Amino acid sequence: MEQKLRQMIEQVHNEIKQIQDVDDKALELLKGLRDDIEGILEPATEEITDRYESVTEHLEDAVEHFEISHPTLSTVMSRLVDALNAAQL
């Protein structure tokens, strides 16, 4: 399960890197997501569940924000939210 999550996280990270021409709110969301995702990809220094909760909150906000303008990114992020929620059970 962890390998699948890591692959999904990397996919979102790659999608974020490709986004251009965004407004200030989108830029702020992307920066927060990038920081959260990089935190998850680094070796654990804190409880991984705390990291998942933080990134899940940011992902949910970003899914809503990018639903129309970047549907592929929104879909990938939505799948990651589902996977992170399932991993916390």
PDB file of N, CA and C in Angstrom:
ATOM      1  N   MET A   1       0.830  -1.206   0.000  1.00  0.00           N
ATOM      2  CA  MET A   1       0.000   0.000   0.000  1.00  0.00           C
ATOM      3  C   MET A   1       0.867   1.258   0.000  1.00  0.00           C
ATOM      4  N   GLU A   2       1.930   1.246   0.806  1.00  0.00           N
ATOM      5  CA  GLU A   2       2.766   2.435   0.893  1.00  0.00           C
ATOM      6  C   GLU A   2       3.415   2.763  -0.451  1.00  0.00           C
ATOM      7  N   GLN A   3       3.835   1.750  -1.201  1.00  0.00           N
ATOM      8  CA  GLN A   3       4.439   1.982  -2.514  1.00  0.00           C
ATOM      9  C   GLN A   3       3.431   2.624  -3.463  1.00  0.00           C
ATOM     10  N   LYS A   4       2.182   2.160  -3.431  1.00  0.00           N
ATOM     11  CA  LYS A   4       1.141   2.734  -4.288  1.00  0.00           C
ATOM     12  C   LYS A   4       0.894   4.197  -3.910  1.00  0.00           C
ATOM     13  N   LEU A   5       0.835   4.486  -2.616  1.00  0.00           N
ATOM     14  CA  LEU A   5       0.665   5.872  -2.164  1.00  0.00           C
ATOM     15  C   LEU A   5       1.825   6.733  -2.642  1.00  0.00           C
ATOM     16  N   ARG A   6       3.024   6.216  -2.486  1.00  0.00           N
ATOM     17  CA  ARG A   6       4.208   6.975  -2.903  1.00  0.00           C
ATOM     18  C   ARG A   6       4.144   7.286  -4.406  1.00  0.00           C
ATOM     19  N   GLN A   7       3.709   6.325  -5.209  1.00  0.00           N
ATOM     20  CA  GLN A   7       3.581   6.553  -6.652  1.00  0.00           C
ATOM     21  C   GLN A   7       2.528   7.618  -6.946  1.00  0.00           C
ATOM     22  N   MET A   8       1.410   7.570  -6.234  1.00  0.00           N
ATOM     23  CA  MET A   8       0.356   8.568  -6.438  1.00  0.00           C
ATOM     24  C   MET A   8       0.840   9.952  -6.025  1.00  0.00           C
ATOM     25  N   ILE A   9       1.556  10.017  -4.916  1.00  0.00           N
ATOM     26  CA  ILE A   9       2.092  11.291  -4.436  1.00  0.00           C
ATOM     27  C   ILE A   9       3.060  11.857  -5.467  1.00  0.00           C
ATOM     28  N   GLU A  10       3.914  11.009  -6.007  1.00  0.00           N
ATOM     29  CA  GLU A  10       4.861  11.462  -7.032  1.00  0.00           C
ATOM     30  C   GLU A  10       4.126  11.930  -8.284  1.00  0.00           C
ATOM     31  N   GLN A  11       3.031  11.263  -8.633  1.00  0.00           N
ATOM     32  CA  GLN A  11       2.247  11.668  -9.802  1.00  0.00           C
ATOM     33  C   GLN A  11       1.661  13.066  -9.589  1.00  0.00           C
ATOM     34  N   VAL A  12       1.100  13.310  -8.411  1.00  0.00           N
ATOM     35  CA  VAL A  12       0.568  14.645  -8.099  1.00  0.00           C
ATOM     36  C   VAL A  12       1.702  15.667  -8.128  1.00  0.00           C
ATOM     37  N   HIS A  13       2.832  15.320  -7.542  1.00  0.00           N
ATOM     38  CA  HIS A  13       3.982  16.221  -7.519  1.00  0.00           C
ATOM     39  C   HIS A  13       4.395  16.591  -8.944  1.00  0.00           C
ATOM     40  N   ASN A  14       4.442  15.616  -9.836  1.00  0.00           N
ATOM     41  CA  ASN A  14       4.799  15.881 -11.235  1.00  0.00           C
ATOM     42  C   ASN A  14       3.754  16.745 -11.933  1.00  0.00           C
ATOM     43  N   GLU A  15       2.483  16.501 -11.657  1.00  0.00           N
ATOM     44  CA  GLU A  15       1.411  17.324 -12.244  1.00  0.00           C
ATOM     45  C   GLU A  15       1.538  18.772 -11.769  1.00  0.00           C
ATOM     46  N   ILE A  16       1.830  18.957 -10.499  1.00  0.00           N
ATOM     47  CA  ILE A  16       1.968  20.309  -9.939  1.00  0.00           C
ATOM     48  C   ILE A  16       3.102  21.054 -10.636  1.00  0.00           C
ATOM     49  N   LYS A  17       4.203  20.370 -10.895  1.00  0.00           N
ATOM     50  CA  LYS A  17       5.350  21.010 -11.547  1.00  0.00           C
ATOM     51  C   LYS A  17       5.008  21.520 -12.943  1.00  0.00           C
ATOM     52  N   GLN A  18       4.022  20.915 -13.589  1.00  0.00           N
ATOM     53  CA  GLN A  18       3.664  21.289 -14.956  1.00  0.00           C
ATOM     54  C   GLN A  18       2.680  22.456 -15.028  1.00  0.00           C
ATOM     55  N   ILE A  19       2.080  22.828 -13.918  1.00  0.00           N
ATOM     56  CA  ILE A  19       1.078  23.894 -13.908  1.00  0.00           C
ATOM     57  C   ILE A  19       1.755  25.247 -14.114  1.00  0.00           C
ATOM     58  N   GLN A  20       1.190  26.029 -15.026  1.00  0.00           N
ATOM     59  CA  GLN A  20       1.686  27.376 -15.299  1.00  0.00           C
ATOM     60  C   GLN A  20       0.502  28.331 -15.356  1.00  0.00           C
ATOM     61  N   ASP A  21       0.792  29.599 -15.309  1.00  0.00           N
ATOM     62  CA  ASP A  21      -0.234  30.637 -15.448  1.00  0.00           C
ATOM     63  C   ASP A  21      -1.397  30.446 -14.479  1.00  0.00           C
ATOM     64  N   VAL A  22      -1.121  30.608 -13.198  1.00  0.00           N
ATOM     65  CA  VAL A  22      -2.161  30.463 -12.187  1.00  0.00           C
ATOM     66  C   VAL A  22      -2.294  31.757 -11.393  1.00  0.00           C
ATOM     67  N   ASP A  23      -3.460  31.931 -10.781  1.00  0.00           N
ATOM     68  CA  ASP A  23      -3.688  33.117  -9.964  1.00  0.00           C
ATOM     69  C   ASP A  23      -2.980  32.964  -8.613  1.00  0.00           C
ATOM     70  N   ASP A  24      -3.032  34.018  -7.805  1.00  0.00           N
ATOM     71  CA  ASP A  24      -2.323  34.015  -6.525  1.00  0.00           C
ATOM     72  C   ASP A  24      -2.818  32.924  -5.581  1.00  0.00           C
ATOM     73  N   LYS A  25      -4.134  32.716  -5.534  1.00  0.00           N
ATOM     74  CA  LYS A  25      -4.682  31.673  -4.660  1.00  0.00           C
ATOM     75  C   LYS A  25      -4.196  30.299  -5.099  1.00  0.00           C
ATOM     76  N   ALA A  26      -4.200  30.059  -6.405  1.00  0.00           N
ATOM     77  CA  ALA A  26      -3.730  28.775  -6.928  1.00  0.00           C
ATOM     78  C   ALA A  26      -2.248  28.585  -6.629  1.00  0.00           C
ATOM     79  N   LEU A  27      -1.481  29.646  -6.777  1.00  0.00           N
ATOM     80  CA  LEU A  27      -0.056  29.578  -6.493  1.00  0.00           C
ATOM     81  C   LEU A  27       0.186  29.218  -5.029  1.00  0.00           C
ATOM     82  N   GLU A  28      -0.593  29.823  -4.143  1.00  0.00           N
ATOM     83  CA  GLU A  28      -0.477  29.528  -2.713  1.00  0.00           C
ATOM     84  C   GLU A  28      -0.852  28.070  -2.422  1.00  0.00           C
ATOM     85  N   LEU A  29      -1.939  27.601  -3.031  1.00  0.00           N
ATOM     86  CA  LEU A  29      -2.347  26.203  -2.855  1.00  0.00           C
ATOM     87  C   LEU A  29      -1.262  25.248  -3.352  1.00  0.00           C
ATOM     88  N   LEU A  30      -0.722  25.530  -4.521  1.00  0.00           N
ATOM     89  CA  LEU A  30       0.303  24.662  -5.095  1.00  0.00           C
ATOM     90  C   LEU A  30       1.569  24.639  -4.246  1.00  0.00           C
ATOM     91  N   LYS A  31       1.946  25.798  -3.721  1.00  0.00           N
ATOM     92  CA  LYS A  31       3.137  25.856  -2.872  1.00  0.00           C
ATOM     93  C   LYS A  31       2.931  25.023  -1.612  1.00  0.00           C
ATOM     94  N   GLY A  32       1.766  25.165  -0.990  1.00  0.00           N
ATOM     95  CA  GLY A  32       1.473  24.373   0.204  1.00  0.00           C
ATOM     96  C   GLY A  32       1.458  22.884  -0.088  1.00  0.00           C
ATOM     97  N   LEU A  33       0.854  22.515  -1.207  1.00  0.00           N
ATOM     98  CA  LEU A  33       0.824  21.103  -1.603  1.00  0.00           C
ATOM     99  C   LEU A  33       2.226  20.577  -1.871  1.00  0.00           C
ATOM    100  N   ARG A  34       3.000  21.363  -2.587  1.00  0.00           N
ATOM    101  CA  ARG A  34       4.369  20.934  -2.893  1.00  0.00           C
ATOM    102  C   ARG A  34       5.158  20.700  -1.607  1.00  0.00           C
ATOM    103  N   ASP A  35       5.035  21.613  -0.662  1.00  0.00           N
ATOM    104  CA  ASP A  35       5.738  21.459   0.610  1.00  0.00           C
ATOM    105  C   ASP A  35       5.262  20.221   1.362  1.00  0.00           C
ATOM    106  N   ASP A  36       3.943  20.014   1.403  1.00  0.00           N
ATOM    107  CA  ASP A  36       3.395  18.833   2.081  1.00  0.00           C
ATOM    108  C   ASP A  36       3.864  17.546   1.419  1.00  0.00           C
ATOM    109  N   ILE A  37       3.812  17.527   0.105  1.00  0.00           N
ATOM    110  CA  ILE A  37       4.189  16.318  -0.629  1.00  0.00           C
ATOM    111  C   ILE A  37       5.673  16.024  -0.451  1.00  0.00           C
ATOM    112  N   GLU A  38       6.496  17.049  -0.522  1.00  0.00           N
ATOM    113  CA  GLU A  38       7.923  16.830  -0.299  1.00  0.00           C
ATOM    114  C   GLU A  38       8.168  16.316   1.114  1.00  0.00           C
ATOM    115  N   GLY A  39       7.362  16.782   2.075  1.00  0.00           N
ATOM    116  CA  GLY A  39       7.477  16.288   3.445  1.00  0.00           C
ATOM    117  C   GLY A  39       7.144  14.816   3.561  1.00  0.00           C
ATOM    118  N   ILE A  40       6.149  14.375   2.801  1.00  0.00           N
ATOM    119  CA  ILE A  40       5.781  12.957   2.823  1.00  0.00           C
ATOM    120  C   ILE A  40       6.858  12.116   2.145  1.00  0.00           C
ATOM    121  N   LEU A  41       7.463  12.643   1.104  1.00  0.00           N
ATOM    122  CA  LEU A  41       8.466  11.884   0.363  1.00  0.00           C
ATOM    123  C   LEU A  41       9.792  11.781   1.109  1.00  0.00           C
ATOM    124  N   GLU A  42      10.039  12.689   2.048  1.00  0.00           N
ATOM    125  CA  GLU A  42      11.266  12.638   2.841  1.00  0.00           C
ATOM    126  C   GLU A  42      11.151  11.538   3.886  1.00  0.00           C
ATOM    127  N   PRO A  43      12.294  11.074   4.391  1.00  0.00           N
ATOM    128  CA  PRO A  43      12.241  10.086   5.476  1.00  0.00           C
ATOM    129  C   PRO A  43      11.456  10.638   6.665  1.00  0.00           C
ATOM    130  N   ALA A  44      10.699   9.773   7.302  1.00  0.00           N
ATOM    131  CA  ALA A  44       9.802  10.186   8.387  1.00  0.00           C
ATOM    132  C   ALA A  44      10.579  10.727   9.582  1.00  0.00           C
ATOM    133  N   THR A  45      10.233  11.958   9.985  1.00  0.00           N
ATOM    134  CA  THR A  45      10.776  12.545  11.205  1.00  0.00           C
ATOM    135  C   THR A  45       9.648  12.832  12.186  1.00  0.00           C
ATOM    136  N   GLU A  46       8.431  12.642  11.750  1.00  0.00           N
ATOM    137  CA  GLU A  46       7.264  12.830  12.600  1.00  0.00           C
ATOM    138  C   GLU A  46       6.253  11.752  12.237  1.00  0.00           C
ATOM    139  N   GLU A  47       5.211  11.672  12.979  1.00  0.00           N
ATOM    140  CA  GLU A  47       4.180  10.669  12.718  1.00  0.00           C
ATOM    141  C   GLU A  47       3.638  10.847  11.304  1.00  0.00           C
ATOM    142  N   ILE A  48       3.709   9.788  10.512  1.00  0.00           N
ATOM    143  CA  ILE A  48       3.276   9.858   9.112  1.00  0.00           C
ATOM    144  C   ILE A  48       1.799  10.213   9.002  1.00  0.00           C
ATOM    145  N   THR A  49       0.984   9.802   9.963  1.00  0.00           N
ATOM    146  CA  THR A  49      -0.446  10.128   9.946  1.00  0.00           C
ATOM    147  C   THR A  49      -0.658  11.633   9.983  1.00  0.00           C
ATOM    148  N   ASP A  50       0.158  12.347  10.758  1.00  0.00           N
ATOM    149  CA  ASP A  50       0.054  13.808  10.810  1.00  0.00           C
ATOM    150  C   ASP A  50       0.342  14.417   9.439  1.00  0.00           C
ATOM    151  N   ARG A  51       1.321  13.863   8.759  1.00  0.00           N
ATOM    152  CA  ARG A  51       1.649  14.359   7.418  1.00  0.00           C
ATOM    153  C   ARG A  51       0.494  14.099   6.459  1.00  0.00           C
ATOM    154  N   TYR A  52      -0.086  12.896   6.527  1.00  0.00           N
ATOM    155  CA  TYR A  52      -1.204  12.556   5.650  1.00  0.00           C
ATOM    156  C   TYR A  52      -2.383  13.490   5.890  1.00  0.00           C
ATOM    157  N   GLU A  53      -2.674  13.795   7.149  1.00  0.00           N
ATOM    158  CA  GLU A  53      -3.802  14.684   7.460  1.00  0.00           C
ATOM    159  C   GLU A  53      -3.567  16.072   6.879  1.00  0.00           C
ATOM    160  N   SER A  54      -2.359  16.573   7.010  1.00  0.00           N
ATOM    161  CA  SER A  54      -2.035  17.901   6.495  1.00  0.00           C
ATOM    162  C   SER A  54      -2.170  17.955   4.977  1.00  0.00           C
ATOM    163  N   VAL A  55      -1.577  16.983   4.301  1.00  0.00           N
ATOM    164  CA  VAL A  55      -1.641  16.992   2.841  1.00  0.00           C
ATOM    165  C   VAL A  55      -3.063  16.733   2.358  1.00  0.00           C
ATOM    166  N   THR A  56      -3.824  15.918   3.074  1.00  0.00           N
ATOM    167  CA  THR A  56      -5.212  15.649   2.690  1.00  0.00           C
ATOM    168  C   THR A  56      -6.042  16.926   2.729  1.00  0.00           C
ATOM    169  N   GLU A  57      -5.868  17.723   3.775  1.00  0.00           N
ATOM    170  CA  GLU A  57      -6.604  18.990   3.872  1.00  0.00           C
ATOM    171  C   GLU A  57      -6.259  19.910   2.705  1.00  0.00           C
ATOM    172  N   HIS A  58      -4.979  20.040   2.404  1.00  0.00           N
ATOM    173  CA  HIS A  58      -4.568  20.900   1.294  1.00  0.00           C
ATOM    174  C   HIS A  58      -5.056  20.347  -0.046  1.00  0.00           C
ATOM    175  N   LEU A  59      -5.005  19.034  -0.199  1.00  0.00           N
ATOM    176  CA  LEU A  59      -5.477  18.423  -1.441  1.00  0.00           C
ATOM    177  C   LEU A  59      -6.962  18.679  -1.665  1.00  0.00           C
ATOM    178  N   GLU A  60      -7.759  18.560  -0.613  1.00  0.00           N
ATOM    179  CA  GLU A  60      -9.202  18.785  -0.755  1.00  0.00           C
ATOM    180  C   GLU A  60      -9.490  20.211  -1.208  1.00  0.00           C
ATOM    181  N   ASP A  61      -8.763  21.179  -0.653  1.00  0.00           N
ATOM    182  CA  ASP A  61      -8.925  22.575  -1.089  1.00  0.00           C
ATOM    183  C   ASP A  61      -8.511  22.737  -2.551  1.00  0.00           C
ATOM    184  N   ALA A  62      -7.405  22.111  -2.910  1.00  0.00           N
ATOM    185  CA  ALA A  62      -6.894  22.239  -4.273  1.00  0.00           C
ATOM    186  C   ALA A  62      -7.793  21.541  -5.287  1.00  0.00           C
ATOM    187  N   VAL A  63      -8.352  20.397  -4.920  1.00  0.00           N
ATOM    188  CA  VAL A  63      -9.264  19.685  -5.826  1.00  0.00           C
ATOM    189  C   VAL A  63     -10.407  20.608  -6.220  1.00  0.00           C
ATOM    190  N   GLU A  64     -10.980  21.265  -5.241  1.00  0.00           N
ATOM    191  CA  GLU A  64     -12.094  22.179  -5.506  1.00  0.00           C
ATOM    192  C   GLU A  64     -11.645  23.352  -6.378  1.00  0.00           C
ATOM    193  N   HIS A  65     -10.480  23.900  -6.084  1.00  0.00           N
ATOM    194  CA  HIS A  65      -9.998  25.075  -6.810  1.00  0.00           C
ATOM    195  C   HIS A  65      -9.658  24.757  -8.271  1.00  0.00           C
ATOM    196  N   PHE A  66      -9.067  23.596  -8.527  1.00  0.00           N
ATOM    197  CA  PHE A  66      -8.577  23.264  -9.865  1.00  0.00           C
ATOM    198  C   PHE A  66      -9.532  22.403 -10.679  1.00  0.00           C
ATOM    199  N   GLU A  67     -10.709  22.125 -10.149  1.00  0.00           N
ATOM    200  CA  GLU A  67     -11.652  21.222 -10.806  1.00  0.00           C
ATOM    201  C   GLU A  67     -11.958  21.632 -12.249  1.00  0.00           C
ATOM    202  N   ILE A  68     -12.138  22.912 -12.491  1.00  0.00           N
ATOM    203  CA  ILE A  68     -12.479  23.404 -13.827  1.00  0.00           C
ATOM    204  C   ILE A  68     -11.229  23.707 -14.650  1.00  0.00           C
ATOM    205  N   SER A  69     -10.282  24.411 -14.066  1.00  0.00           N
ATOM    206  CA  SER A  69      -9.125  24.874 -14.839  1.00  0.00           C
ATOM    207  C   SER A  69      -8.097  23.785 -15.134  1.00  0.00           C
ATOM    208  N   HIS A  70      -7.966  22.803 -14.249  1.00  0.00           N
ATOM    209  CA  HIS A  70      -6.983  21.728 -14.430  1.00  0.00           C
ATOM    210  C   HIS A  70      -7.608  20.399 -14.002  1.00  0.00           C
ATOM    211  N   PRO A  71      -8.530  19.877 -14.814  1.00  0.00           N
ATOM    212  CA  PRO A  71      -9.274  18.672 -14.412  1.00  0.00           C
ATOM    213  C   PRO A  71      -8.403  17.432 -14.201  1.00  0.00           C
ATOM    214  N   THR A  72      -7.334  17.291 -14.961  1.00  0.00           N
ATOM    215  CA  THR A  72      -6.461  16.127 -14.767  1.00  0.00           C
ATOM    216  C   THR A  72      -5.800  16.181 -13.404  1.00  0.00           C
ATOM    217  N   LEU A  73      -5.269  17.329 -13.056  1.00  0.00           N
ATOM    218  CA  LEU A  73      -4.656  17.503 -11.740  1.00  0.00           C
ATOM    219  C   LEU A  73      -5.683  17.266 -10.645  1.00  0.00           C
ATOM    220  N   SER A  74      -6.862  17.816 -10.810  1.00  0.00           N
ATOM    221  CA  SER A  74      -7.927  17.651  -9.822  1.00  0.00           C
ATOM    222  C   SER A  74      -8.284  16.180  -9.629  1.00  0.00           C
ATOM    223  N   THR A  75      -8.378  15.435 -10.707  1.00  0.00           N
ATOM    224  CA  THR A  75      -8.709  14.012 -10.629  1.00  0.00           C
ATOM    225  C   THR A  75      -7.617  13.229  -9.912  1.00  0.00           C
ATOM    226  N   VAL A  76      -6.368  13.498 -10.250  1.00  0.00           N
ATOM    227  CA  VAL A  76      -5.246  12.806  -9.614  1.00  0.00           C
ATOM    228  C   VAL A  76      -5.211  13.122  -8.119  1.00  0.00           C
ATOM    229  N   MET A  77      -5.442  14.386  -7.777  1.00  0.00           N
ATOM    230  CA  MET A  77      -5.439  14.773  -6.368  1.00  0.00           C
ATOM    231  C   MET A  77      -6.598  14.122  -5.619  1.00  0.00           C
ATOM    232  N   SER A  78      -7.745  14.043  -6.244  1.00  0.00           N
ATOM    233  CA  SER A  78      -8.908  13.417  -5.616  1.00  0.00           C
ATOM    234  C   SER A  78      -8.642  11.941  -5.320  1.00  0.00           C
ATOM    235  N   ARG A  79      -8.011  11.260  -6.249  1.00  0.00           N
ATOM    236  CA  ARG A  79      -7.655   9.848  -6.029  1.00  0.00           C
ATOM    237  C   ARG A  79      -6.669   9.707  -4.879  1.00  0.00           C
ATOM    238  N   LEU A  80      -5.737  10.637  -4.791  1.00  0.00           N
ATOM    239  CA  LEU A  80      -4.761  10.595  -3.708  1.00  0.00           C
ATOM    240  C   LEU A  80      -5.442  10.826  -2.362  1.00  0.00           C
ATOM    241  N   VAL A  81      -6.398  11.743  -2.312  1.00  0.00           N
ATOM    242  CA  VAL A  81      -7.156  11.971  -1.076  1.00  0.00           C
ATOM    243  C   VAL A  81      -7.823  10.672  -0.633  1.00  0.00           C
ATOM    244  N   ASP A  82      -8.473   9.995  -1.572  1.00  0.00           N
ATOM    245  CA  ASP A  82      -9.132   8.725  -1.245  1.00  0.00           C
ATOM    246  C   ASP A  82      -8.131   7.702  -0.719  1.00  0.00           C
ATOM    247  N   ALA A  83      -6.983   7.603  -1.367  1.00  0.00           N
ATOM    248  CA  ALA A  83      -5.963   6.635  -0.951  1.00  0.00           C
ATOM    249  C   ALA A  83      -5.391   6.979   0.422  1.00  0.00           C
ATOM    250  N   LEU A  84      -5.156   8.262   0.673  1.00  0.00           N
ATOM    251  CA  LEU A  84      -4.634   8.672   1.978  1.00  0.00           C
ATOM    252  C   LEU A  84      -5.652   8.406   3.079  1.00  0.00           C
ATOM    253  N   ASN A  85      -6.920   8.685   2.796  1.00  0.00           N
ATOM    254  CA  ASN A  85      -7.966   8.403   3.787  1.00  0.00           C
ATOM    255  C   ASN A  85      -8.061   6.910   4.072  1.00  0.00           C
ATOM    256  N   ALA A  86      -7.944   6.091   3.044  1.00  0.00           N
ATOM    257  CA  ALA A  86      -7.993   4.637   3.227  1.00  0.00           C
ATOM    258  C   ALA A  86      -6.786   4.147   4.026  1.00  0.00           C
ATOM    259  N   ALA A  87      -5.634   4.759   3.808  1.00  0.00           N
ATOM    260  CA  ALA A  87      -4.416   4.349   4.507  1.00  0.00           C
ATOM    261  C   ALA A  87      -4.475   4.671   5.995  1.00  0.00           C
ATOM    262  N   GLN A  88      -5.269   5.661   6.370  1.00  0.00           N
ATOM    263  CA  GLN A  88      -5.364   6.063   7.776  1.00  0.00           C
ATOM    264  C   GLN A  88      -6.309   5.183   8.579  1.00  0.00           C
ATOM    265  N   LEU A  89      -7.095   4.351   7.915  1.00  0.00           N
ATOM    266  CA  LEU A  89      -8.066   3.508   8.613  1.00  0.00           C
ATOM    267  C   LEU A  89      -7.393   2.465   9.463  1.00  0.00           C
TER     268      LEU A  89
END
